[in-house]
């Protein structure tokens, strides 16, 4: 389901959305324990191909443990900053970065996620008049070209369907900031 962008006869994959979800909503509902095991097996199988920050985060036990204050589950979005800076090696090219700041689920700190080089993204929300709701679940996979794909599900609200973000990037950096 990835999309291609074509410019001047050259086509490239922009966002590789929904490649192989293991642990997101539709898979988790069927068999949560099995989905988690399949996802962890996928990560281990592709360990050498994963960017180091993403692999460390995806395989950290605390990252999936909703009792750990650093776990993003039930966090709320504080800000999303999308920047386009000049590429240091070529001023004509731009480098897109994302910085996401979440209010931690226990309101005792902030989670910051930084994507140092973003290759494509989809931010899909049916409605955000009340915000996106809680961060539900996320998973890291690899695109066919070997780039990190981070898919995030937001809970939404009883009367509003949740949102979904898909970010294709070089890697991810995690920071916990206590209040």
C-alpha atoms as a PDB file:
ATOM      1  CA  UNK A   1       0.000   0.000   0.000  1.00  0.00           C
ATOM      2  CA  UNK A   2       2.997   2.297  -0.141  1.00  0.00           C
ATOM      3  CA  UNK A   3       2.785   5.275  -2.428  1.00  0.00           C
ATOM      4  CA  UNK A   4       5.191   6.397  -5.096  1.00  0.00           C
ATOM      5  CA  UNK A   5       6.154   9.956  -5.905  1.00  0.00           C
ATOM      6  CA  UNK A   6       7.433  10.594  -9.406  1.00  0.00           C
ATOM      7  CA  UNK A   7       9.448  13.643 -10.417  1.00  0.00           C
ATOM      8  CA  UNK A   8      11.393  14.032 -13.629  1.00  0.00           C
ATOM      9  CA  UNK A   9      10.982  10.376 -14.555  1.00  0.00           C
ATOM     10  CA  UNK A  10      12.314   9.197 -11.176  1.00  0.00           C
ATOM     11  CA  UNK A  11       9.917   7.400  -8.838  1.00  0.00           C
ATOM     12  CA  UNK A  12      10.455   6.668  -5.184  1.00  0.00           C
ATOM     13  CA  UNK A  13       8.473   5.122  -2.385  1.00  0.00           C
ATOM     14  CA  UNK A  14       7.142   7.873  -0.099  1.00  0.00           C
ATOM     15  CA  UNK A  15       5.386   6.109   2.768  1.00  0.00           C
ATOM     16  CA  UNK A  16       5.162   2.384   3.207  1.00  0.00           C
ATOM     17  CA  UNK A  17       1.942   2.341   5.180  1.00  0.00           C
ATOM     18  CA  UNK A  18       0.537  -0.842   6.650  1.00  0.00           C
ATOM     19  CA  UNK A  19       3.260  -3.162   5.343  1.00  0.00           C
ATOM     20  CA  UNK A  20       2.965  -5.864   7.921  1.00  0.00           C
ATOM     21  CA  UNK A  21       1.244  -4.955  11.117  1.00  0.00           C
ATOM     22  CA  UNK A  22       1.901  -7.353  13.956  1.00  0.00           C
ATOM     23  CA  UNK A  23       0.747  -5.555  17.035  1.00  0.00           C
ATOM     24  CA  UNK A  24      -1.702  -2.902  15.914  1.00  0.00           C
ATOM     25  CA  UNK A  25      -5.459  -2.836  16.466  1.00  0.00           C
ATOM     26  CA  UNK A  26      -6.702  -5.328  13.903  1.00  0.00           C
ATOM     27  CA  UNK A  27      -4.044  -7.931  14.803  1.00  0.00           C
ATOM     28  CA  UNK A  28      -4.145  -7.368  18.547  1.00  0.00           C
ATOM     29  CA  UNK A  29      -7.902  -7.925  18.738  1.00  0.00           C
ATOM     30  CA  UNK A  30      -7.567 -11.416  17.310  1.00  0.00           C
ATOM     31  CA  UNK A  31      -4.813 -12.678  19.614  1.00  0.00           C
ATOM     32  CA  UNK A  32      -2.919 -10.155  21.739  1.00  0.00           C
ATOM     33  CA  UNK A  33      -0.323 -12.588  23.121  1.00  0.00           C
ATOM     34  CA  UNK A  34       0.297 -14.168  19.738  1.00  0.00           C
ATOM     35  CA  UNK A  35       0.498 -10.760  18.050  1.00  0.00           C
ATOM     36  CA  UNK A  36       3.111  -9.604  20.545  1.00  0.00           C
ATOM     37  CA  UNK A  37       5.174 -12.794  20.089  1.00  0.00           C
ATOM     38  CA  UNK A  38       5.043 -12.501  16.288  1.00  0.00           C
ATOM     39  CA  UNK A  39       6.091  -8.847  16.502  1.00  0.00           C
ATOM     40  CA  UNK A  40       9.039  -9.596  18.802  1.00  0.00           C
ATOM     41  CA  UNK A  41      10.089 -12.479  16.532  1.00  0.00           C
ATOM     42  CA  UNK A  42       9.960 -10.121  13.516  1.00  0.00           C
ATOM     43  CA  UNK A  43      12.182  -7.623  15.351  1.00  0.00           C
ATOM     44  CA  UNK A  44      14.742 -10.287  16.277  1.00  0.00           C
ATOM     45  CA  UNK A  45      14.708 -11.724  12.770  1.00  0.00           C
ATOM     46  CA  UNK A  46      15.547  -8.277  11.327  1.00  0.00           C
ATOM     47  CA  UNK A  47      17.821  -7.089  14.147  1.00  0.00           C
ATOM     48  CA  UNK A  48      20.808  -6.429  11.878  1.00  0.00           C
ATOM     49  CA  UNK A  49      18.705  -4.346   9.453  1.00  0.00           C
ATOM     50  CA  UNK A  50      16.951  -2.171  12.029  1.00  0.00           C
ATOM     51  CA  UNK A  51      18.234   1.295  12.880  1.00  0.00           C
ATOM     52  CA  UNK A  52      19.803   1.022  16.361  1.00  0.00           C
ATOM     53  CA  UNK A  53      17.540   3.506  18.159  1.00  0.00           C
ATOM     54  CA  UNK A  54      14.365   1.930  16.837  1.00  0.00           C
ATOM     55  CA  UNK A  55      15.501  -1.596  17.647  1.00  0.00           C
ATOM     56  CA  UNK A  56      16.511  -0.662  21.195  1.00  0.00           C
ATOM     57  CA  UNK A  57      13.169   1.049  21.781  1.00  0.00           C
ATOM     58  CA  UNK A  58      10.999  -1.656  20.205  1.00  0.00           C
ATOM     59  CA  UNK A  59      12.675  -4.434  22.193  1.00  0.00           C
ATOM     60  CA  UNK A  60      12.888  -2.613  25.551  1.00  0.00           C
ATOM     61  CA  UNK A  61      10.522  -4.357  27.982  1.00  0.00           C
ATOM     62  CA  UNK A  62       9.554  -1.040  29.598  1.00  0.00           C
ATOM     63  CA  UNK A  63       8.441   0.407  26.251  1.00  0.00           C
ATOM     64  CA  UNK A  64       5.494  -2.020  26.076  1.00  0.00           C
ATOM     65  CA  UNK A  65       4.780  -2.015  29.829  1.00  0.00           C
ATOM     66  CA  UNK A  66       1.893   0.369  30.573  1.00  0.00           C
ATOM     67  CA  UNK A  67       2.933   0.385  34.248  1.00  0.00           C
ATOM     68  CA  UNK A  68       6.249   2.009  33.335  1.00  0.00           C
ATOM     69  CA  UNK A  69       5.989   5.799  33.258  1.00  0.00           C
ATOM     70  CA  UNK A  70       8.200   5.991  30.137  1.00  0.00           C
ATOM     71  CA  UNK A  71       5.843   3.794  28.113  1.00  0.00           C
ATOM     72  CA  UNK A  72       3.927   5.955  25.591  1.00  0.00           C
ATOM     73  CA  UNK A  73       0.647   3.996  25.987  1.00  0.00           C
ATOM     74  CA  UNK A  74      -2.038   6.462  27.211  1.00  0.00           C
ATOM     75  CA  UNK A  75       0.223   9.486  26.647  1.00  0.00           C
ATOM     76  CA  UNK A  76      -1.243  12.631  25.101  1.00  0.00           C
ATOM     77  CA  UNK A  77       0.208  14.725  22.315  1.00  0.00           C
ATOM     78  CA  UNK A  78       1.681  18.038  23.473  1.00  0.00           C
ATOM     79  CA  UNK A  79       3.330  19.044  20.205  1.00  0.00           C
ATOM     80  CA  UNK A  80       4.528  17.895  16.824  1.00  0.00           C
ATOM     81  CA  UNK A  81       7.219  19.992  15.182  1.00  0.00           C
ATOM     82  CA  UNK A  82       8.039  19.330  11.560  1.00  0.00           C
ATOM     83  CA  UNK A  83      11.215  21.057  10.416  1.00  0.00           C
ATOM     84  CA  UNK A  84      12.859  21.316   7.023  1.00  0.00           C
ATOM     85  CA  UNK A  85      16.476  22.343   7.270  1.00  0.00           C
ATOM     86  CA  UNK A  86      19.062  22.763   4.541  1.00  0.00           C
ATOM     87  CA  UNK A  87      21.088  19.590   4.027  1.00  0.00           C
ATOM     88  CA  UNK A  88      24.645  20.353   5.234  1.00  0.00           C
ATOM     89  CA  UNK A  89      26.101  18.570   2.196  1.00  0.00           C
ATOM     90  CA  UNK A  90      23.801  20.236  -0.360  1.00  0.00           C
ATOM     91  CA  UNK A  91      22.046  23.542   0.385  1.00  0.00           C
ATOM     92  CA  UNK A  92      19.552  22.889  -2.430  1.00  0.00           C
ATOM     93  CA  UNK A  93      18.184  19.810  -0.629  1.00  0.00           C
ATOM     94  CA  UNK A  94      16.073  19.860   2.507  1.00  0.00           C
ATOM     95  CA  UNK A  95      16.137  17.434   5.424  1.00  0.00           C
ATOM     96  CA  UNK A  96      12.800  16.867   7.158  1.00  0.00           C
ATOM     97  CA  UNK A  97      12.779  16.094  10.879  1.00  0.00           C
ATOM     98  CA  UNK A  98       9.971  15.380  13.335  1.00  0.00           C
ATOM     99  CA  UNK A  99       9.972  16.117  17.044  1.00  0.00           C
ATOM    100  CA  UNK A 100       7.016  14.715  18.984  1.00  0.00           C
ATOM    101  CA  UNK A 101       6.415  15.702  22.608  1.00  0.00           C
ATOM    102  CA  UNK A 102       3.954  13.681  24.667  1.00  0.00           C
ATOM    103  CA  UNK A 103       2.624  14.286  28.140  1.00  0.00           C
ATOM    104  CA  UNK A 104       3.407  11.012  29.884  1.00  0.00           C
ATOM    105  CA  UNK A 105       0.536   8.727  30.882  1.00  0.00           C
ATOM    106  CA  UNK A 106       1.001   9.457  34.605  1.00  0.00           C
ATOM    107  CA  UNK A 107       1.411  13.242  34.075  1.00  0.00           C
ATOM    108  CA  UNK A 108       4.804  13.121  35.798  1.00  0.00           C
ATOM    109  CA  UNK A 109       6.985  13.714  32.774  1.00  0.00           C
ATOM    110  CA  UNK A 110       7.309  14.122  29.038  1.00  0.00           C
ATOM    111  CA  UNK A 111       8.292  11.734  26.298  1.00  0.00           C
ATOM    112  CA  UNK A 112      10.155  13.207  23.359  1.00  0.00           C
ATOM    113  CA  UNK A 113      10.594  11.303  20.133  1.00  0.00           C
ATOM    114  CA  UNK A 114      12.941  12.681  17.504  1.00  0.00           C
ATOM    115  CA  UNK A 115      13.150  11.424  13.931  1.00  0.00           C
ATOM    116  CA  UNK A 116      16.429  12.844  12.550  1.00  0.00           C
ATOM    117  CA  UNK A 117      15.602  12.256   8.884  1.00  0.00           C
ATOM    118  CA  UNK A 118      12.028  11.716   7.709  1.00  0.00           C
ATOM    119  CA  UNK A 119      11.525  10.270   4.238  1.00  0.00           C
ATOM    120  CA  UNK A 120       7.724  10.334   4.176  1.00  0.00           C
ATOM    121  CA  UNK A 121       4.713  10.442   6.442  1.00  0.00           C
ATOM    122  CA  UNK A 122       0.957  10.182   6.686  1.00  0.00           C
ATOM    123  CA  UNK A 123      -0.881  11.883   9.528  1.00  0.00           C
ATOM    124  CA  UNK A 124      -4.484  10.746   9.300  1.00  0.00           C
ATOM    125  CA  UNK A 125      -7.213  12.029  11.582  1.00  0.00           C
ATOM    126  CA  UNK A 126     -10.942  11.967  10.951  1.00  0.00           C
ATOM    127  CA  UNK A 127     -11.417  14.659  13.570  1.00  0.00           C
ATOM    128  CA  UNK A 128      -9.183  16.331  16.107  1.00  0.00           C
ATOM    129  CA  UNK A 129     -11.613  18.856  17.598  1.00  0.00           C
ATOM    130  CA  UNK A 130     -10.967  17.253  21.013  1.00  0.00           C
ATOM    131  CA  UNK A 131      -7.356  16.332  20.254  1.00  0.00           C
ATOM    132  CA  UNK A 132      -6.138  12.906  19.195  1.00  0.00           C
ATOM    133  CA  UNK A 133      -6.903  11.160  22.477  1.00  0.00           C
ATOM    134  CA  UNK A 134      -4.449   8.759  24.046  1.00  0.00           C
ATOM    135  CA  UNK A 135      -1.531   7.108  22.271  1.00  0.00           C
ATOM    136  CA  UNK A 136      -2.748   3.533  22.017  1.00  0.00           C
ATOM    137  CA  UNK A 137      -0.220   1.298  20.372  1.00  0.00           C
ATOM    138  CA  UNK A 138       2.624   1.560  17.930  1.00  0.00           C
ATOM    139  CA  UNK A 139       5.002  -0.690  16.085  1.00  0.00           C
ATOM    140  CA  UNK A 140       8.234  -0.434  14.176  1.00  0.00           C
ATOM    141  CA  UNK A 141       8.753  -2.276  10.901  1.00  0.00           C
ATOM    142  CA  UNK A 142      11.047  -1.948   7.906  1.00  0.00           C
ATOM    143  CA  UNK A 143      10.003  -0.826   4.454  1.00  0.00           C
ATOM    144  CA  UNK A 144      11.111  -2.917   1.454  1.00  0.00           C
ATOM    145  CA  UNK A 145      13.914  -0.367   0.947  1.00  0.00           C
ATOM    146  CA  UNK A 146      15.083  -0.891   4.559  1.00  0.00           C
ATOM    147  CA  UNK A 147      13.835   2.363   6.080  1.00  0.00           C
ATOM    148  CA  UNK A 148      12.177   2.497   9.483  1.00  0.00           C
ATOM    149  CA  UNK A 149       8.372   2.644   9.418  1.00  0.00           C
ATOM    150  CA  UNK A 150       6.787   3.742  12.702  1.00  0.00           C
ATOM    151  CA  UNK A 151       3.024   3.331  12.810  1.00  0.00           C
ATOM    152  CA  UNK A 152       1.107   4.894  15.707  1.00  0.00           C
ATOM    153  CA  UNK A 153      -2.545   4.431  16.683  1.00  0.00           C
ATOM    154  CA  UNK A 154      -4.341   7.141  18.655  1.00  0.00           C
ATOM    155  CA  UNK A 155      -7.464   6.225  20.651  1.00  0.00           C
ATOM    156  CA  UNK A 156      -9.759   9.054  19.652  1.00  0.00           C
ATOM    157  CA  UNK A 157     -12.950   9.395  21.691  1.00  0.00           C
ATOM    158  CA  UNK A 158     -16.207   7.437  21.984  1.00  0.00           C
ATOM    159  CA  UNK A 159     -17.842   9.583  19.298  1.00  0.00           C
ATOM    160  CA  UNK A 160     -14.698  10.040  17.159  1.00  0.00           C
ATOM    161  CA  UNK A 161     -12.634   7.350  15.462  1.00  0.00           C
ATOM    162  CA  UNK A 162      -8.959   7.272  16.398  1.00  0.00           C
ATOM    163  CA  UNK A 163      -6.166   8.684  14.292  1.00  0.00           C
ATOM    164  CA  UNK A 164      -3.219   6.938  12.692  1.00  0.00           C
ATOM    165  CA  UNK A 165       0.253   8.209  11.955  1.00  0.00           C
ATOM    166  CA  UNK A 166       2.799   6.500   9.737  1.00  0.00           C
ATOM    167  CA  UNK A 167       6.322   7.931   9.744  1.00  0.00           C
ATOM    168  CA  UNK A 168       9.068   6.649   7.473  1.00  0.00           C
ATOM    169  CA  UNK A 169      12.458   7.717   8.816  1.00  0.00           C
ATOM    170  CA  UNK A 170      16.127   6.901   9.230  1.00  0.00           C
ATOM    171  CA  UNK A 171      15.792   6.172  12.970  1.00  0.00           C
ATOM    172  CA  UNK A 172      14.182   7.414  16.177  1.00  0.00           C
ATOM    173  CA  UNK A 173      15.595   8.874  19.381  1.00  0.00           C
ATOM    174  CA  UNK A 174      13.737   8.628  22.712  1.00  0.00           C
ATOM    175  CA  UNK A 175      14.015  10.986  25.675  1.00  0.00           C
ATOM    176  CA  UNK A 176      12.183  10.844  29.029  1.00  0.00           C
ATOM    177  CA  UNK A 177      11.973  14.218  30.804  1.00  0.00           C
ATOM    178  CA  UNK A 178      10.715  14.025  34.414  1.00  0.00           C
ATOM    179  CA  UNK A 179       8.605  16.962  35.638  1.00  0.00           C
END
